[in-house]
Amino acid sequence: MSFQRTNSITGIEVADDTKITFLDLKRKKAHRYVIFRIDDKEKEVIVEKQGAPWESYDDFTAALPADNCRFAVYDYDFVTEDNCQKSKIFFIAWAPSVSRIRAKMLYATSKERFRHELDGVHYEIQATEPSEMDLQVLMDRAN
């Protein structure tokens, strides 16, 4: 079974294991987060890093490059005011302001198509600096 699809604008494909890894996060809680990058040579979105279920949000943000774009999903667990355990999946488009313009353009034009492949994402965040995706931002959006 192949999940590979091409982004008609950029020619970027989604690697087969990329969607499977996302489903492992969503259904099996196998990962706390997954960071994806666009492989320039293969012209596809691939998994760069998977965070273990016990890793923290600080571990996640530390794994993002300070000077390059990435896509990521983060499985945010929280307790509601009614003392109910909940989980929301965030899609994060990370494009630091110091990234190369070519990278920013490639990620920007590929984002919607890739995001569409990830069925089950609850919220989306676009961030150009760490404060735009601070843990408080996730808390505010999830509640």
C-alpha atoms as a PDB file:
ATOM      1  CA  MET A   1       0.000   0.000   0.000  1.00  0.00           C
ATOM      2  CA  SER A   2       1.496   3.320  -1.061  1.00  0.00           C
ATOM      3  CA  PHE A   3       0.643   6.674   0.472  1.00  0.00           C
ATOM      4  CA  GLN A   4       3.010   8.558  -1.807  1.00  0.00           C
ATOM      5  CA  ARG A   5       1.390  11.567  -3.425  1.00  0.00           C
ATOM      6  CA  THR A   6       2.887  14.469  -5.298  1.00  0.00           C
ATOM      7  CA  ASN A   7       2.332  18.110  -4.453  1.00  0.00           C
ATOM      8  CA  SER A   8       1.387  19.544  -7.848  1.00  0.00           C
ATOM      9  CA  ILE A   9       2.826  22.985  -7.125  1.00  0.00           C
ATOM     10  CA  THR A  10       6.263  22.009  -5.832  1.00  0.00           C
ATOM     11  CA  GLY A  11       6.630  18.426  -7.040  1.00  0.00           C
ATOM     12  CA  ILE A  12       7.182  17.337  -3.438  1.00  0.00           C
ATOM     13  CA  GLU A  13       5.986  13.848  -2.500  1.00  0.00           C
ATOM     14  CA  VAL A  14       5.129  12.361   0.881  1.00  0.00           C
ATOM     15  CA  ALA A  15       7.262   9.311   1.712  1.00  0.00           C
ATOM     16  CA  ASP A  16       5.343   6.113   2.516  1.00  0.00           C
ATOM     17  CA  ASP A  17       6.646   5.856   6.079  1.00  0.00           C
ATOM     18  CA  THR A  18       5.758   9.483   6.820  1.00  0.00           C
ATOM     19  CA  LYS A  19       2.013   8.895   7.027  1.00  0.00           C
ATOM     20  CA  ILE A  20       2.517   5.571   8.824  1.00  0.00           C
ATOM     21  CA  THR A  21       4.651   7.313  11.468  1.00  0.00           C
ATOM     22  CA  PHE A  22       1.935   9.929  11.920  1.00  0.00           C
ATOM     23  CA  LEU A  23      -0.688   7.204  12.360  1.00  0.00           C
ATOM     24  CA  ASP A  24       1.528   5.565  14.994  1.00  0.00           C
ATOM     25  CA  LEU A  25       1.518   8.856  16.914  1.00  0.00           C
ATOM     26  CA  LYS A  26      -2.225   9.345  16.484  1.00  0.00           C
ATOM     27  CA  ARG A  27      -3.535   5.836  17.135  1.00  0.00           C
ATOM     28  CA  LYS A  28      -0.882   4.030  19.159  1.00  0.00           C
ATOM     29  CA  LYS A  29       0.614   6.988  21.049  1.00  0.00           C
ATOM     30  CA  ALA A  30       3.986   5.582  19.962  1.00  0.00           C
ATOM     31  CA  HIS A  31       5.550   9.055  19.718  1.00  0.00           C
ATOM     32  CA  ARG A  32       5.113  12.357  21.559  1.00  0.00           C
ATOM     33  CA  TYR A  33       6.135  14.248  18.439  1.00  0.00           C
ATOM     34  CA  VAL A  34       7.393  13.762  14.904  1.00  0.00           C
ATOM     35  CA  ILE A  35       9.567  16.220  12.999  1.00  0.00           C
ATOM     36  CA  PHE A  36       9.476  16.114   9.203  1.00  0.00           C
ATOM     37  CA  ARG A  37      11.802  17.669   6.660  1.00  0.00           C
ATOM     38  CA  ILE A  38      11.785  18.016   2.917  1.00  0.00           C
ATOM     39  CA  ASP A  39      14.558  15.961   1.344  1.00  0.00           C
ATOM     40  CA  ASP A  40      15.835  18.125  -1.521  1.00  0.00           C
ATOM     41  CA  LYS A  41      17.424  15.210  -3.396  1.00  0.00           C
ATOM     42  CA  GLU A  42      14.418  12.916  -3.300  1.00  0.00           C
ATOM     43  CA  LYS A  43      11.873  15.765  -3.431  1.00  0.00           C
ATOM     44  CA  GLU A  44       9.789  14.250  -0.653  1.00  0.00           C
ATOM     45  CA  VAL A  45       8.702  14.874   2.927  1.00  0.00           C
ATOM     46  CA  ILE A  46      10.455  12.414   5.223  1.00  0.00           C
ATOM     47  CA  VAL A  47      10.568  11.710   8.953  1.00  0.00           C
ATOM     48  CA  GLU A  48      13.579  13.377  10.543  1.00  0.00           C
ATOM     49  CA  LYS A  49      13.001  12.625  14.233  1.00  0.00           C
ATOM     50  CA  GLN A  50      10.486  10.864  16.441  1.00  0.00           C
ATOM     51  CA  GLY A  51      10.110  11.790  20.091  1.00  0.00           C
ATOM     52  CA  ALA A  52       9.526   9.038  22.637  1.00  0.00           C
ATOM     53  CA  PRO A  53       6.141   9.114  24.440  1.00  0.00           C
ATOM     54  CA  TRP A  54       7.742  10.372  27.668  1.00  0.00           C
ATOM     55  CA  GLU A  55       9.636  13.272  26.064  1.00  0.00           C
ATOM     56  CA  SER A  56       8.653  16.808  27.051  1.00  0.00           C
ATOM     57  CA  TYR A  57       7.639  19.846  25.035  1.00  0.00           C
ATOM     58  CA  ASP A  58      11.092  21.295  25.773  1.00  0.00           C
ATOM     59  CA  ASP A  59      12.652  18.185  24.196  1.00  0.00           C
ATOM     60  CA  PHE A  60      10.493  18.763  21.144  1.00  0.00           C
ATOM     61  CA  THR A  61      11.361  22.441  20.707  1.00  0.00           C
ATOM     62  CA  ALA A  62      15.066  21.708  21.275  1.00  0.00           C
ATOM     63  CA  ALA A  63      14.936  19.170  18.425  1.00  0.00           C
ATOM     64  CA  LEU A  64      13.825  21.806  15.904  1.00  0.00           C
ATOM     65  CA  PRO A  65      16.675  23.495  14.022  1.00  0.00           C
ATOM     66  CA  ALA A  66      17.185  27.158  14.909  1.00  0.00           C
ATOM     67  CA  ASP A  67      17.991  28.123  11.320  1.00  0.00           C
ATOM     68  CA  ASN A  68      15.939  25.880   9.037  1.00  0.00           C
ATOM     69  CA  CYS A  69      12.302  25.091   8.290  1.00  0.00           C
ATOM     70  CA  ARG A  70      10.484  21.945   9.379  1.00  0.00           C
ATOM     71  CA  PHE A  71       7.004  20.491   9.664  1.00  0.00           C
ATOM     72  CA  ALA A  72       6.105  18.819  12.939  1.00  0.00           C
ATOM     73  CA  VAL A  73       3.241  17.234  14.816  1.00  0.00           C
ATOM     74  CA  TYR A  74       2.992  17.260  18.590  1.00  0.00           C
ATOM     75  CA  ASP A  75       0.592  15.176  20.667  1.00  0.00           C
ATOM     76  CA  TYR A  76      -0.419  17.480  23.506  1.00  0.00           C
ATOM     77  CA  ASP A  77      -1.933  15.790  26.588  1.00  0.00           C
ATOM     78  CA  PHE A  78      -3.822  17.869  29.129  1.00  0.00           C
ATOM     79  CA  VAL A  79      -6.496  17.716  31.811  1.00  0.00           C
ATOM     80  CA  THR A  80      -9.701  19.738  31.365  1.00  0.00           C
ATOM     81  CA  GLU A  81     -11.433  21.816  34.024  1.00  0.00           C
ATOM     82  CA  ASP A  82     -13.769  18.826  34.500  1.00  0.00           C
ATOM     83  CA  ASN A  83     -10.709  16.679  35.357  1.00  0.00           C
ATOM     84  CA  CYS A  84     -10.903  14.789  32.040  1.00  0.00           C
ATOM     85  CA  GLN A  85      -7.727  13.538  30.340  1.00  0.00           C
ATOM     86  CA  LYS A  86      -7.595  14.818  26.736  1.00  0.00           C
ATOM     87  CA  SER A  87      -5.150  14.818  23.855  1.00  0.00           C
ATOM     88  CA  LYS A  88      -4.934  17.159  20.862  1.00  0.00           C
ATOM     89  CA  ILE A  89      -2.580  16.886  17.898  1.00  0.00           C
ATOM     90  CA  PHE A  90      -0.937  20.077  16.725  1.00  0.00           C
ATOM     91  CA  PHE A  91       0.602  20.572  13.285  1.00  0.00           C
ATOM     92  CA  ILE A  92       3.436  23.073  13.459  1.00  0.00           C
ATOM     93  CA  ALA A  93       4.947  24.778  10.433  1.00  0.00           C
ATOM     94  CA  TRP A  94       8.331  25.960  11.725  1.00  0.00           C
ATOM     95  CA  ALA A  95       9.976  28.626   9.555  1.00  0.00           C
ATOM     96  CA  PRO A  96      12.507  30.637  11.588  1.00  0.00           C
ATOM     97  CA  SER A  97      13.119  34.132  10.264  1.00  0.00           C
ATOM     98  CA  VAL A  98      16.830  33.321   9.758  1.00  0.00           C
ATOM     99  CA  SER A  99      16.026  30.441   7.358  1.00  0.00           C
ATOM    100  CA  ARG A 100      17.014  30.711   3.737  1.00  0.00           C
ATOM    101  CA  ILE A 101      14.341  32.270   1.554  1.00  0.00           C
ATOM    102  CA  ARG A 102      14.350  29.249  -0.778  1.00  0.00           C
ATOM    103  CA  ALA A 103      13.592  26.934   2.168  1.00  0.00           C
ATOM    104  CA  LYS A 104      10.804  29.198   3.424  1.00  0.00           C
ATOM    105  CA  MET A 105       9.205  29.244  -0.021  1.00  0.00           C
ATOM    106  CA  LEU A 106       9.492  25.474  -0.468  1.00  0.00           C
ATOM    107  CA  TYR A 107       7.925  24.740   2.924  1.00  0.00           C
ATOM    108  CA  ALA A 108       5.226  27.375   2.471  1.00  0.00           C
ATOM    109  CA  THR A 109       4.144  26.019  -0.912  1.00  0.00           C
ATOM    110  CA  SER A 110       4.230  22.391   0.307  1.00  0.00           C
ATOM    111  CA  LYS A 111       2.486  22.923   3.650  1.00  0.00           C
ATOM    112  CA  GLU A 112      -1.187  22.663   2.674  1.00  0.00           C
ATOM    113  CA  ARG A 113      -0.727  19.522   0.612  1.00  0.00           C
ATOM    114  CA  PHE A 114       1.315  17.803   3.324  1.00  0.00           C
ATOM    115  CA  ARG A 115      -1.024  18.960   6.097  1.00  0.00           C
ATOM    116  CA  HIS A 116      -3.931  17.479   4.136  1.00  0.00           C
ATOM    117  CA  GLU A 117      -2.227  14.050   4.295  1.00  0.00           C
ATOM    118  CA  LEU A 118      -2.284  14.117   8.108  1.00  0.00           C
ATOM    119  CA  ASP A 119      -5.875  13.283   8.920  1.00  0.00           C
ATOM    120  CA  GLY A 120      -6.617  13.848  12.590  1.00  0.00           C
ATOM    121  CA  VAL A 121      -4.725  17.048  13.303  1.00  0.00           C
ATOM    122  CA  HIS A 122      -6.770  19.313  15.575  1.00  0.00           C
ATOM    123  CA  TYR A 123      -4.873  22.614  15.402  1.00  0.00           C
ATOM    124  CA  GLU A 124      -2.262  24.281  13.237  1.00  0.00           C
ATOM    125  CA  ILE A 125       0.411  26.727  14.309  1.00  0.00           C
ATOM    126  CA  GLN A 126       2.753  28.688  12.058  1.00  0.00           C
ATOM    127  CA  ALA A 127       5.835  29.871  13.906  1.00  0.00           C
ATOM    128  CA  THR A 128       8.837  31.968  12.925  1.00  0.00           C
ATOM    129  CA  GLU A 129      10.239  32.216  16.447  1.00  0.00           C
ATOM    130  CA  PRO A 130       9.935  30.040  19.586  1.00  0.00           C
ATOM    131  CA  SER A 131       7.520  32.383  21.395  1.00  0.00           C
ATOM    132  CA  GLU A 132       4.907  31.802  18.653  1.00  0.00           C
ATOM    133  CA  MET A 133       4.725  28.126  19.594  1.00  0.00           C
ATOM    134  CA  ASP A 134       5.316  28.360  23.317  1.00  0.00           C
ATOM    135  CA  LEU A 135       3.607  25.696  25.436  1.00  0.00           C
ATOM    136  CA  GLN A 136       1.163  28.366  26.627  1.00  0.00           C
ATOM    137  CA  VAL A 137       0.022  28.830  23.019  1.00  0.00           C
ATOM    138  CA  LEU A 138      -0.867  25.124  22.852  1.00  0.00           C
ATOM    139  CA  MET A 139      -2.626  25.279  26.216  1.00  0.00           C
ATOM    140  CA  ASP A 140      -4.701  28.272  25.123  1.00  0.00           C
ATOM    141  CA  ARG A 141      -5.679  26.667  21.819  1.00  0.00           C
ATOM    142  CA  ALA A 142      -6.539  23.268  23.332  1.00  0.00           C
ATOM    143  CA  ASN A 143      -8.781  24.604  26.114  1.00  0.00           C
END
